[in-house]
Amino acid sequence: MPGISSPEDWFAGLKALYLDDFPKRCRTCGRVFASEADYFRQTQAIRPDITGLKAVEDEEEGPQVEVFRNCVCGSTLLVNCASRRDHSAAGQSRRRLFDELLSYLERHGIERMQARSELLRVASGERSALLETWYGQIAAQSRAKKPGP
């Protein structure tokens, strides 16, 4: 979903499954959402404390995510998405490694959400100056704890 850099990034791991969902029209006010990106830009979270995501299992399509958002008129809209999670053995192995890295960073005093965000950044091919700095600090702490030769 290019161009979205707000709380809607929560949905970056999702892919619109039904292309015929767009353009999507609000049945209450008639507002038209031309694309998935347009839908996320012009709608709001139902409530600030919930994601609006609901996991469902479709027998034919596999894991699905329903995304509920509110139109500016207040009407709740739904878009069906498919999870892009890799369910293969390799995908499961990557998730285990991610969880191990996250736990390691937490044990070294790094706040979970920030560590997660930075690990996701690295996993998508970007650099993380923050993780590089943390790595340097953790490595220095480890060296300081080891007895000398």
Protein backbone atom coordinates (compact mmCIF):
# COMPACT_ATOMS: atom_id res chain seq x y z
CA MET A 1 0.00 0.00 0.00
CA PRO A 2 2.33 2.73 -1.21
CA GLY A 3 2.02 6.19 0.25
CA ILE A 4 0.54 5.16 3.59
CA SER A 5 2.70 6.15 6.53
CA SER A 6 0.32 6.44 9.45
CA PRO A 7 -1.36 4.04 11.88
CA GLU A 8 -2.71 2.26 8.82
CA ASP A 9 0.76 0.71 8.47
CA TRP A 10 -0.70 -1.95 10.77
CA PHE A 11 -2.33 -3.20 7.62
CA ALA A 12 0.85 -3.28 5.54
CA GLY A 13 1.04 -7.04 5.95
CA LEU A 14 -2.31 -7.49 4.36
CA LYS A 15 -3.22 -7.68 0.71
CA ALA A 16 -6.66 -6.90 -0.63
CA LEU A 17 -8.06 -10.20 -1.78
CA TYR A 18 -11.11 -9.16 -3.71
CA LEU A 19 -10.11 -6.54 -6.25
CA ASP A 20 -13.77 -6.00 -6.99
CA ASP A 21 -14.04 -4.44 -3.50
CA PHE A 22 -12.66 -1.32 -5.17
CA PRO A 23 -13.94 1.09 -5.98
CA LYS A 24 -15.85 0.72 -2.71
CA ARG A 25 -18.87 2.90 -2.02
CA CYS A 26 -20.27 3.85 1.37
CA ARG A 27 -23.94 2.89 1.28
CA THR A 28 -24.83 5.66 3.74
CA CYS A 29 -23.24 8.78 2.23
CA GLY A 30 -22.16 7.58 -1.23
CA ARG A 31 -18.45 8.41 -0.74
CA VAL A 32 -16.32 6.38 -3.16
CA PHE A 33 -12.96 4.86 -2.24
CA ALA A 34 -11.08 4.28 -5.48
CA SER A 35 -8.40 1.96 -4.10
CA GLU A 36 -7.21 0.18 -1.00
CA ALA A 37 -4.84 3.07 -0.21
CA ASP A 38 -7.69 5.54 -0.69
CA TYR A 39 -9.87 3.48 1.66
CA PHE A 40 -7.25 3.56 4.44
CA ARG A 41 -6.49 7.26 3.95
CA GLN A 42 -10.11 8.40 3.98
CA THR A 43 -11.50 6.17 6.72
CA GLN A 44 -10.86 6.05 10.45
CA ALA A 45 -10.32 3.35 13.04
CA ILE A 46 -13.59 2.30 14.63
CA ARG A 47 -12.06 3.14 18.01
CA PRO A 48 -8.52 4.18 18.89
CA ASP A 49 -8.05 1.14 21.15
CA ILE A 50 -8.93 -1.55 18.58
CA THR A 51 -7.36 -2.46 15.25
CA GLY A 52 -10.58 -3.25 13.40
CA LEU A 53 -9.11 -6.57 12.27
CA LYS A 54 -10.99 -9.84 12.56
CA ALA A 55 -9.36 -13.14 11.61
CA VAL A 56 -11.57 -15.61 9.77
CA GLU A 57 -10.88 -18.92 8.06
CA ASP A 58 -12.31 -19.36 4.56
CA GLU A 59 -12.46 -23.01 3.46
CA GLU A 60 -11.52 -22.15 -0.14
CA GLU A 61 -9.29 -19.10 0.24
CA GLY A 62 -7.55 -19.97 3.54
CA PRO A 63 -6.79 -17.44 6.28
CA GLN A 64 -8.63 -14.15 5.83
CA VAL A 65 -8.70 -10.87 7.65
CA GLU A 66 -11.75 -8.63 7.71
CA VAL A 67 -10.85 -4.96 8.08
CA PHE A 68 -13.52 -2.77 9.64
CA ARG A 69 -13.13 1.02 9.33
CA ASN A 70 -15.46 3.98 9.69
CA CYS A 71 -16.36 6.30 6.84
CA VAL A 72 -16.27 10.01 7.73
CA CYS A 73 -20.08 9.84 7.91
CA GLY A 74 -19.79 7.30 10.73
CA SER A 75 -20.89 4.24 8.77
CA THR A 76 -18.78 1.11 9.31
CA LEU A 77 -17.25 -0.37 6.16
CA LEU A 78 -15.67 -3.79 5.62
CA VAL A 79 -12.90 -4.90 3.28
CA ASN A 80 -11.86 -8.56 3.01
CA CYS A 81 -8.14 -9.20 2.95
CA ALA A 82 -5.89 -12.22 2.84
CA SER A 83 -3.05 -12.67 5.23
CA ARG A 84 0.31 -12.63 3.47
CA ARG A 85 1.86 -14.69 6.27
CA ASP A 86 4.00 -17.52 4.94
CA HIS A 87 2.65 -20.75 6.48
CA SER A 88 5.44 -22.94 5.06
CA ALA A 89 8.12 -24.56 7.24
CA ALA A 90 10.53 -21.79 6.22
CA GLY A 91 7.98 -19.13 7.19
CA GLN A 92 7.45 -20.77 10.57
CA SER A 93 11.20 -20.94 11.09
CA ARG A 94 11.55 -17.21 10.30
CA ARG A 95 8.78 -16.40 12.81
CA ARG A 96 10.55 -18.47 15.50
CA LEU A 97 13.81 -16.63 14.80
CA PHE A 98 12.00 -13.29 14.90
CA ASP A 99 10.47 -14.20 18.29
CA GLU A 100 13.88 -15.28 19.62
CA LEU A 101 15.47 -12.02 18.48
CA LEU A 102 12.63 -10.04 20.01
CA SER A 103 12.98 -11.89 23.34
CA TYR A 104 16.74 -11.33 23.31
CA LEU A 105 16.32 -7.59 22.80
CA GLU A 106 13.69 -7.43 25.55
CA ARG A 107 16.00 -9.25 27.97
CA HIS A 108 18.56 -6.54 27.28
CA GLY A 109 16.18 -3.74 28.23
CA ILE A 110 14.76 -2.75 24.86
CA GLU A 111 11.04 -1.93 24.93
CA ARG A 112 9.07 -4.65 23.10
CA MET A 113 7.10 -2.51 20.65
CA GLN A 114 10.15 -0.51 19.64
CA ALA A 115 12.24 -3.68 19.23
CA ARG A 116 9.48 -5.27 17.15
CA SER A 117 9.21 -2.22 14.94
CA GLU A 118 12.95 -2.14 14.32
CA LEU A 119 13.14 -5.89 13.64
CA LEU A 120 10.34 -5.55 11.10
CA ARG A 121 12.27 -2.73 9.46
CA VAL A 122 15.36 -4.94 9.12
CA ALA A 123 13.26 -7.89 7.93
CA SER A 124 11.93 -5.73 5.11
CA GLY A 125 15.47 -4.90 3.97
CA GLU A 126 15.95 -1.51 5.62
CA ARG A 127 18.75 -0.48 7.97
CA SER A 128 18.07 0.17 11.61
CA ALA A 129 20.51 2.60 13.17
CA LEU A 130 18.74 1.96 16.46
CA LEU A 131 19.36 -1.82 16.32
CA GLU A 132 22.95 -1.24 15.26
CA THR A 133 23.44 1.00 18.30
CA TRP A 134 21.71 -1.50 20.59
CA TYR A 135 23.84 -4.31 19.20
CA GLY A 136 26.97 -2.32 20.01
CA GLN A 137 25.75 -1.70 23.57
CA ILE A 138 24.74 -5.33 24.13
CA ALA A 139 28.04 -6.59 22.71
CA ALA A 140 29.98 -4.19 24.96
CA GLN A 141 28.01 -5.38 28.01
CA SER A 142 28.74 -9.01 27.11
CA ARG A 143 32.46 -8.33 26.71
CA ALA A 144 32.55 -6.49 30.05
CA LYS A 145 30.94 -9.48 31.83
CA LYS A 146 33.40 -12.07 30.46
CA PRO A 147 36.49 -12.70 32.60
CA GLY A 148 39.75 -11.81 30.94
CA PRO A 149 42.27 -14.42 29.70
